[in-house]
Amino acid sequence: MKELKVVAAIIENEQQEILCALRSPKMSLPNYWEFPGGKVEENEELFSALEREINEELNFRVRAIELFHKNTHEYESFIIHLLAIKCTIMNGIPIPNEHARVIWLKRESLMSLNWAPADLPAVEKLMNEWK
C-alpha cells in the first residue's frame, strides 16, 4: 500500500480563528475539510515543505513554528502520515488555488465541519487546548 508523508498547517489569525480548507470535487477525498498543506518531497525538510505548499496552494506566506500533532491514518488505498505544524502568518490572505474554499473558524466551532479522518485527531487536540 502506498504511504504518503503529508504536512498540514495549523494557522491562527489575530481573532484566534483557525484556517480550514475544503477539498474540491477534483481532489481525492472530495468535499472533506482539512488543514491546508501537502506532500513532503524526497529529502525536503518538514517546515520548508509546509511553507512551500501553503504558498503554492493559497498564495499565502506563513512561517512554520512547531510540530503540533502526528497521526497515521489508513485509508482504503493509501496510508497517510500527517504532521500538523503550527504556523504564523507572514503576509497575504489565503486564496484557494486547489481547494473549493477556505474559512476561518473559532476552535469551538471546528467540529461543525466534515473533517477528513486523518485531520480529526489534530482538530480534537486544538479544541482541547483551550478548554
N, C-alpha and C. Protein backbone atom coordinates (compact mmCIF):
# COMPACT_ATOMS: atom_id res chain seq x y z
N MET A 1 0.86 -1.20 0.00
CA MET A 1 0.00 0.00 0.00
C MET A 1 0.89 1.24 0.00
N LYS A 2 0.46 2.23 -0.77
CA LYS A 2 1.23 3.47 -0.88
C LYS A 2 1.18 4.25 0.44
N GLU A 3 2.34 4.79 0.85
CA GLU A 3 2.41 5.61 2.06
C GLU A 3 2.82 7.02 1.69
N LEU A 4 2.13 8.01 2.27
CA LEU A 4 2.41 9.42 1.99
C LEU A 4 2.77 10.15 3.27
N LYS A 5 3.81 10.98 3.20
CA LYS A 5 4.14 11.87 4.31
C LYS A 5 3.58 13.24 3.92
N VAL A 6 2.68 13.74 4.75
CA VAL A 6 1.96 14.97 4.43
C VAL A 6 2.07 15.94 5.61
N VAL A 7 2.32 17.22 5.29
CA VAL A 7 2.33 18.27 6.30
C VAL A 7 1.04 19.08 6.20
N ALA A 8 0.54 19.51 7.34
CA ALA A 8 -0.70 20.29 7.39
C ALA A 8 -0.47 21.49 8.29
N ALA A 9 -0.95 22.64 7.85
CA ALA A 9 -0.71 23.89 8.57
C ALA A 9 -1.85 24.21 9.54
N ILE A 10 -1.47 24.45 10.79
CA ILE A 10 -2.41 24.99 11.78
C ILE A 10 -2.10 26.49 11.81
N ILE A 11 -2.96 27.28 11.16
CA ILE A 11 -2.73 28.72 11.04
C ILE A 11 -3.82 29.44 11.81
N GLU A 12 -3.39 30.27 12.75
CA GLU A 12 -4.34 31.01 13.58
C GLU A 12 -4.19 32.50 13.29
N ASN A 13 -5.32 33.19 13.11
CA ASN A 13 -5.26 34.64 12.86
C ASN A 13 -5.35 35.42 14.18
N GLU A 14 -5.36 36.74 14.07
CA GLU A 14 -5.39 37.59 15.27
C GLU A 14 -6.68 37.44 16.08
N GLN A 15 -7.74 36.96 15.44
CA GLN A 15 -9.02 36.76 16.14
C GLN A 15 -9.10 35.35 16.76
N GLN A 16 -7.96 34.64 16.80
CA GLN A 16 -7.89 33.26 17.31
C GLN A 16 -8.79 32.31 16.53
N GLU A 17 -8.87 32.55 15.21
CA GLU A 17 -9.60 31.63 14.34
C GLU A 17 -8.58 30.78 13.57
N ILE A 18 -8.98 29.56 13.27
CA ILE A 18 -8.11 28.59 12.59
C ILE A 18 -8.52 28.51 11.12
N LEU A 19 -7.52 28.45 10.22
CA LEU A 19 -7.80 28.34 8.79
C LEU A 19 -8.17 26.90 8.43
N CYS A 20 -9.34 26.74 7.80
CA CYS A 20 -9.85 25.43 7.38
C CYS A 20 -10.06 25.47 5.86
N ALA A 21 -9.71 24.37 5.19
CA ALA A 21 -9.79 24.33 3.72
C ALA A 21 -10.67 23.16 3.29
N LEU A 22 -11.57 23.44 2.33
CA LEU A 22 -12.49 22.42 1.81
C LEU A 22 -11.89 21.81 0.55
N ARG A 23 -11.69 20.49 0.57
CA ARG A 23 -11.14 19.80 -0.60
C ARG A 23 -12.14 19.89 -1.75
N SER A 24 -11.64 20.20 -2.92
CA SER A 24 -12.53 20.37 -4.08
C SER A 24 -12.99 19.02 -4.62
N PRO A 25 -14.05 19.02 -5.42
CA PRO A 25 -14.55 17.76 -6.00
C PRO A 25 -13.50 17.05 -6.88
N LYS A 26 -12.48 17.79 -7.36
CA LYS A 26 -11.45 17.19 -8.21
C LYS A 26 -10.36 16.47 -7.41
N MET A 27 -10.26 16.75 -6.12
CA MET A 27 -9.21 16.17 -5.28
C MET A 27 -9.64 14.80 -4.76
N SER A 28 -8.64 13.99 -4.32
CA SER A 28 -9.02 12.77 -3.62
C SER A 28 -9.67 13.20 -2.31
N LEU A 29 -10.51 12.37 -1.74
CA LEU A 29 -11.30 12.73 -0.55
C LEU A 29 -12.04 14.06 -0.77
N PRO A 30 -12.83 14.16 -1.83
CA PRO A 30 -13.52 15.42 -2.12
C PRO A 30 -14.51 15.81 -1.04
N ASN A 31 -14.68 17.12 -0.89
CA ASN A 31 -15.69 17.70 0.00
C ASN A 31 -15.47 17.44 1.48
N TYR A 32 -14.25 17.05 1.84
CA TYR A 32 -13.88 16.98 3.25
C TYR A 32 -13.09 18.24 3.59
N TRP A 33 -13.19 18.67 4.83
CA TRP A 33 -12.39 19.79 5.31
C TRP A 33 -11.06 19.27 5.81
N GLU A 34 -10.04 20.09 5.71
CA GLU A 34 -8.71 19.71 6.16
C GLU A 34 -7.93 20.96 6.54
N PHE A 35 -6.78 20.74 7.18
CA PHE A 35 -5.83 21.81 7.35
C PHE A 35 -5.01 21.82 6.07
N PRO A 36 -4.81 23.00 5.45
CA PRO A 36 -4.10 23.03 4.17
C PRO A 36 -2.65 22.56 4.31
N GLY A 37 -2.12 22.05 3.24
CA GLY A 37 -0.74 21.55 3.24
C GLY A 37 -0.53 20.64 2.05
N GLY A 38 0.36 19.68 2.19
CA GLY A 38 0.58 18.76 1.08
C GLY A 38 1.73 17.81 1.32
N LYS A 39 2.06 17.09 0.26
CA LYS A 39 3.09 16.05 0.35
C LYS A 39 4.48 16.65 0.54
N VAL A 40 5.26 15.95 1.34
CA VAL A 40 6.67 16.31 1.55
C VAL A 40 7.47 15.63 0.44
N GLU A 41 8.25 16.42 -0.32
CA GLU A 41 9.10 15.85 -1.38
C GLU A 41 10.26 15.10 -0.75
N GLU A 42 10.88 14.22 -1.53
CA GLU A 42 12.03 13.47 -1.05
C GLU A 42 13.14 14.42 -0.63
N ASN A 43 13.75 14.16 0.50
CA ASN A 43 14.85 14.97 1.07
C ASN A 43 14.44 16.41 1.42
N GLU A 44 13.14 16.67 1.53
CA GLU A 44 12.67 18.02 1.88
C GLU A 44 12.43 18.09 3.38
N GLU A 45 12.84 19.18 3.99
CA GLU A 45 12.64 19.41 5.42
C GLU A 45 11.15 19.75 5.65
N LEU A 46 10.59 19.26 6.77
CA LEU A 46 9.14 19.40 7.02
C LEU A 46 8.67 20.85 6.98
N PHE A 47 9.37 21.73 7.71
CA PHE A 47 8.90 23.12 7.80
C PHE A 47 8.95 23.81 6.44
N SER A 48 10.03 23.60 5.68
CA SER A 48 10.11 24.26 4.37
C SER A 48 9.10 23.66 3.40
N ALA A 49 8.80 22.35 3.54
CA ALA A 49 7.77 21.72 2.70
C ALA A 49 6.42 22.39 2.95
N LEU A 50 6.11 22.62 4.23
CA LEU A 50 4.83 23.23 4.57
C LEU A 50 4.75 24.66 4.06
N GLU A 51 5.80 25.43 4.25
CA GLU A 51 5.80 26.83 3.78
C GLU A 51 5.63 26.87 2.26
N ARG A 52 6.29 25.95 1.55
CA ARG A 52 6.18 25.88 0.08
C ARG A 52 4.74 25.53 -0.32
N GLU A 53 4.18 24.50 0.31
CA GLU A 53 2.83 24.06 -0.04
C GLU A 53 1.78 25.16 0.18
N ILE A 54 1.88 25.86 1.30
CA ILE A 54 0.91 26.93 1.58
C ILE A 54 1.04 28.06 0.57
N ASN A 55 2.26 28.37 0.20
CA ASN A 55 2.49 29.39 -0.82
C ASN A 55 1.88 28.95 -2.16
N GLU A 56 2.09 27.69 -2.54
CA GLU A 56 1.56 27.18 -3.81
C GLU A 56 0.04 27.07 -3.80
N GLU A 57 -0.52 26.54 -2.72
CA GLU A 57 -1.96 26.27 -2.67
C GLU A 57 -2.80 27.50 -2.40
N LEU A 58 -2.24 28.46 -1.62
CA LEU A 58 -3.08 29.56 -1.15
C LEU A 58 -2.52 30.95 -1.44
N ASN A 59 -1.40 31.04 -2.18
CA ASN A 59 -0.75 32.34 -2.45
C ASN A 59 -0.58 33.13 -1.15
N PHE A 60 -0.07 32.47 -0.15
CA PHE A 60 -0.11 32.97 1.21
C PHE A 60 1.21 32.58 1.86
N ARG A 61 1.81 33.49 2.63
CA ARG A 61 3.11 33.20 3.23
C ARG A 61 2.97 32.97 4.74
N VAL A 62 3.48 31.82 5.18
CA VAL A 62 3.49 31.50 6.61
C VAL A 62 4.89 31.07 7.01
N ARG A 63 5.15 31.09 8.31
CA ARG A 63 6.38 30.52 8.84
C ARG A 63 5.99 29.37 9.77
N ALA A 64 6.54 28.20 9.50
CA ALA A 64 6.28 27.03 10.34
C ALA A 64 7.04 27.22 11.65
N ILE A 65 6.36 26.96 12.78
CA ILE A 65 6.91 27.24 14.10
C ILE A 65 7.22 25.96 14.88
N GLU A 66 6.21 25.07 15.01
CA GLU A 66 6.43 23.87 15.83
C GLU A 66 5.51 22.75 15.39
N LEU A 67 6.02 21.52 15.56
CA LEU A 67 5.20 20.34 15.29
C LEU A 67 4.12 20.28 16.37
N PHE A 68 2.87 20.19 15.95
CA PHE A 68 1.75 20.21 16.89
C PHE A 68 1.19 18.80 17.13
N HIS A 69 1.07 18.01 16.07
CA HIS A 69 0.44 16.70 16.20
C HIS A 69 0.88 15.79 15.06
N LYS A 70 1.08 14.50 15.39
CA LYS A 70 1.39 13.49 14.36
C LYS A 70 0.28 12.45 14.38
N ASN A 71 -0.12 12.00 13.19
CA ASN A 71 -1.15 10.98 13.10
C ASN A 71 -0.91 10.13 11.86
N THR A 72 -1.08 8.83 12.02
CA THR A 72 -1.04 7.93 10.87
C THR A 72 -2.44 7.39 10.68
N HIS A 73 -2.96 7.50 9.46
CA HIS A 73 -4.32 7.05 9.17
C HIS A 73 -4.31 6.20 7.91
N GLU A 74 -4.99 5.06 7.98
CA GLU A 74 -5.06 4.17 6.83
C GLU A 74 -6.39 4.37 6.12
N TYR A 75 -6.30 4.88 4.88
CA TYR A 75 -7.48 4.98 4.02
C TYR A 75 -7.57 3.69 3.21
N GLU A 76 -8.57 3.57 2.35
CA GLU A 76 -8.75 2.36 1.57
C GLU A 76 -7.55 2.04 0.68
N SER A 77 -7.00 3.06 0.01
CA SER A 77 -5.95 2.80 -0.98
C SER A 77 -4.57 3.35 -0.62
N PHE A 78 -4.44 4.02 0.53
CA PHE A 78 -3.14 4.54 0.93
C PHE A 78 -3.09 4.80 2.43
N ILE A 79 -1.87 4.95 2.93
CA ILE A 79 -1.64 5.29 4.34
C ILE A 79 -1.05 6.70 4.37
N ILE A 80 -1.59 7.54 5.24
CA ILE A 80 -1.08 8.91 5.34
C ILE A 80 -0.43 9.12 6.70
N HIS A 81 0.75 9.68 6.68
CA HIS A 81 1.44 10.10 7.91
C HIS A 81 1.29 11.62 7.94
N LEU A 82 0.36 12.11 8.73
CA LEU A 82 0.03 13.54 8.74
C LEU A 82 0.73 14.23 9.90
N LEU A 83 1.49 15.26 9.56
CA LEU A 83 2.21 16.05 10.56
C LEU A 83 1.62 17.45 10.57
N ALA A 84 0.86 17.75 11.62
CA ALA A 84 0.23 19.07 11.74
C ALA A 84 1.24 20.00 12.42
N ILE A 85 1.47 21.14 11.79
CA ILE A 85 2.51 22.08 12.24
C ILE A 85 1.89 23.45 12.45
N LYS A 86 2.12 24.02 13.63
CA LYS A 86 1.63 25.38 13.90
C LYS A 86 2.46 26.39 13.10
N CYS A 87 1.78 27.39 12.56
CA CYS A 87 2.42 28.40 11.71
C CYS A 87 1.98 29.79 12.15
N THR A 88 2.81 30.77 11.82
CA THR A 88 2.39 32.16 11.97
C THR A 88 2.25 32.77 10.58
N ILE A 89 1.37 33.73 10.47
CA ILE A 89 1.13 34.41 9.19
C ILE A 89 2.25 35.42 8.95
N MET A 90 2.86 35.33 7.77
CA MET A 90 3.89 36.30 7.40
C MET A 90 3.25 37.46 6.63
N ASN A 91 2.58 37.13 5.52
CA ASN A 91 1.84 38.17 4.79
C ASN A 91 0.86 37.56 3.80
N GLY A 92 -0.07 38.40 3.36
CA GLY A 92 -1.07 37.97 2.39
C GLY A 92 -2.33 37.47 3.07
N ILE A 93 -3.29 37.13 2.21
CA ILE A 93 -4.51 36.49 2.67
C ILE A 93 -4.67 35.21 1.84
N PRO A 94 -5.18 34.15 2.44
CA PRO A 94 -5.27 32.88 1.71
C PRO A 94 -6.29 32.93 0.58
N ILE A 95 -5.83 32.56 -0.61
CA ILE A 95 -6.69 32.49 -1.80
C ILE A 95 -6.57 31.07 -2.34
N PRO A 96 -7.65 30.28 -2.29
CA PRO A 96 -7.54 28.88 -2.68
C PRO A 96 -7.31 28.68 -4.18
N ASN A 97 -6.24 27.97 -4.53
CA ASN A 97 -5.97 27.57 -5.91
C ASN A 97 -6.53 26.19 -6.19
N GLU A 98 -6.40 25.28 -5.22
CA GLU A 98 -6.81 23.89 -5.40
C GLU A 98 -8.07 23.55 -4.61
N HIS A 99 -8.25 24.20 -3.47
CA HIS A 99 -9.40 23.91 -2.63
C HIS A 99 -10.65 24.61 -3.15
N ALA A 100 -11.82 24.07 -2.77
CA ALA A 100 -13.09 24.70 -3.15
C ALA A 100 -13.27 26.03 -2.44
N ARG A 101 -12.85 26.07 -1.16
CA ARG A 101 -12.92 27.32 -0.40
C ARG A 101 -12.12 27.19 0.88
N VAL A 102 -11.85 28.34 1.50
CA VAL A 102 -11.21 28.37 2.82
C VAL A 102 -12.02 29.28 3.73
N ILE A 103 -12.05 28.92 5.01
CA ILE A 103 -12.75 29.75 6.00
C ILE A 103 -11.91 29.81 7.28
N TRP A 104 -12.16 30.85 8.06
CA TRP A 104 -11.56 30.97 9.40
C TRP A 104 -12.64 30.61 10.40
N LEU A 105 -12.32 29.72 11.34
CA LEU A 105 -13.31 29.30 12.33
C LEU A 105 -12.71 29.31 13.74
N LYS A 106 -13.54 29.68 14.70
CA LYS A 106 -13.14 29.58 16.11
C LYS A 106 -12.99 28.11 16.48
N ARG A 107 -12.09 27.83 17.43
CA ARG A 107 -11.85 26.45 17.87
C ARG A 107 -13.14 25.71 18.24
N GLU A 108 -14.02 26.39 18.99
CA GLU A 108 -15.21 25.70 19.47
C GLU A 108 -16.18 25.33 18.35
N SER A 109 -15.99 25.90 17.15
CA SER A 109 -16.86 25.58 16.01
C SER A 109 -16.25 24.57 15.04
N LEU A 110 -15.03 24.14 15.29
CA LEU A 110 -14.34 23.27 14.33
C LEU A 110 -15.10 21.97 14.04
N MET A 111 -15.73 21.40 15.06
CA MET A 111 -16.43 20.13 14.83
C MET A 111 -17.71 20.28 14.01
N SER A 112 -18.09 21.50 13.65
CA SER A 112 -19.26 21.69 12.79
C SER A 112 -18.95 21.31 11.34
N LEU A 113 -17.68 21.10 11.02
CA LEU A 113 -17.28 20.75 9.66
C LEU A 113 -17.09 19.24 9.53
N ASN A 114 -17.19 18.75 8.29
CA ASN A 114 -16.98 17.34 7.99
C ASN A 114 -15.49 17.14 7.64
N TRP A 115 -14.68 16.81 8.65
CA TRP A 115 -13.22 16.73 8.50
C TRP A 115 -12.77 15.43 7.86
N ALA A 116 -11.68 15.50 7.10
CA ALA A 116 -11.02 14.29 6.61
C ALA A 116 -10.58 13.49 7.84
N PRO A 117 -10.76 12.17 7.84
CA PRO A 117 -10.44 11.36 9.01
C PRO A 117 -9.02 11.57 9.55
N ALA A 118 -8.05 11.75 8.68
CA ALA A 118 -6.66 11.92 9.14
C ALA A 118 -6.47 13.22 9.92
N ASP A 119 -7.30 14.23 9.65
CA ASP A 119 -7.18 15.54 10.31
C ASP A 119 -7.89 15.59 11.66
N LEU A 120 -8.83 14.67 11.88
CA LEU A 120 -9.68 14.74 13.09
C LEU A 120 -8.91 14.76 14.41
N PRO A 121 -7.88 13.91 14.61
CA PRO A 121 -7.17 13.96 15.90
C PRO A 121 -6.55 15.34 16.19
N ALA A 122 -6.04 16.02 15.16
CA ALA A 122 -5.48 17.36 15.35
C ALA A 122 -6.58 18.36 15.69
N VAL A 123 -7.75 18.22 15.06
CA VAL A 123 -8.90 19.08 15.36
C VAL A 123 -9.27 18.93 16.84
N GLU A 124 -9.35 17.67 17.29
CA GLU A 124 -9.72 17.42 18.69
C GLU A 124 -8.68 17.99 19.65
N LYS A 125 -7.40 17.84 19.31
CA LYS A 125 -6.35 18.38 20.17
C LYS A 125 -6.44 19.91 20.23
N LEU A 126 -6.72 20.55 19.10
CA LEU A 126 -6.87 22.02 19.07
C LEU A 126 -8.03 22.46 19.95
N MET A 127 -9.14 21.74 19.87
CA MET A 127 -10.30 22.13 20.66
C MET A 127 -10.02 21.96 22.16
N ASN A 128 -9.26 20.95 22.51
CA ASN A 128 -8.96 20.69 23.93
C ASN A 128 -7.93 21.65 24.49
N GLU A 129 -7.14 22.28 23.62
CA GLU A 129 -6.13 23.22 24.07
C GLU A 129 -6.70 24.36 24.90
N TRP A 130 -7.92 24.78 24.57
CA TRP A 130 -8.49 25.99 25.17
C TRP A 130 -9.61 25.70 26.16
N LYS A 131 -9.81 24.43 26.49
CA LYS A 131 -10.90 24.10 27.43
C LYS A 131 -10.49 24.37 28.84
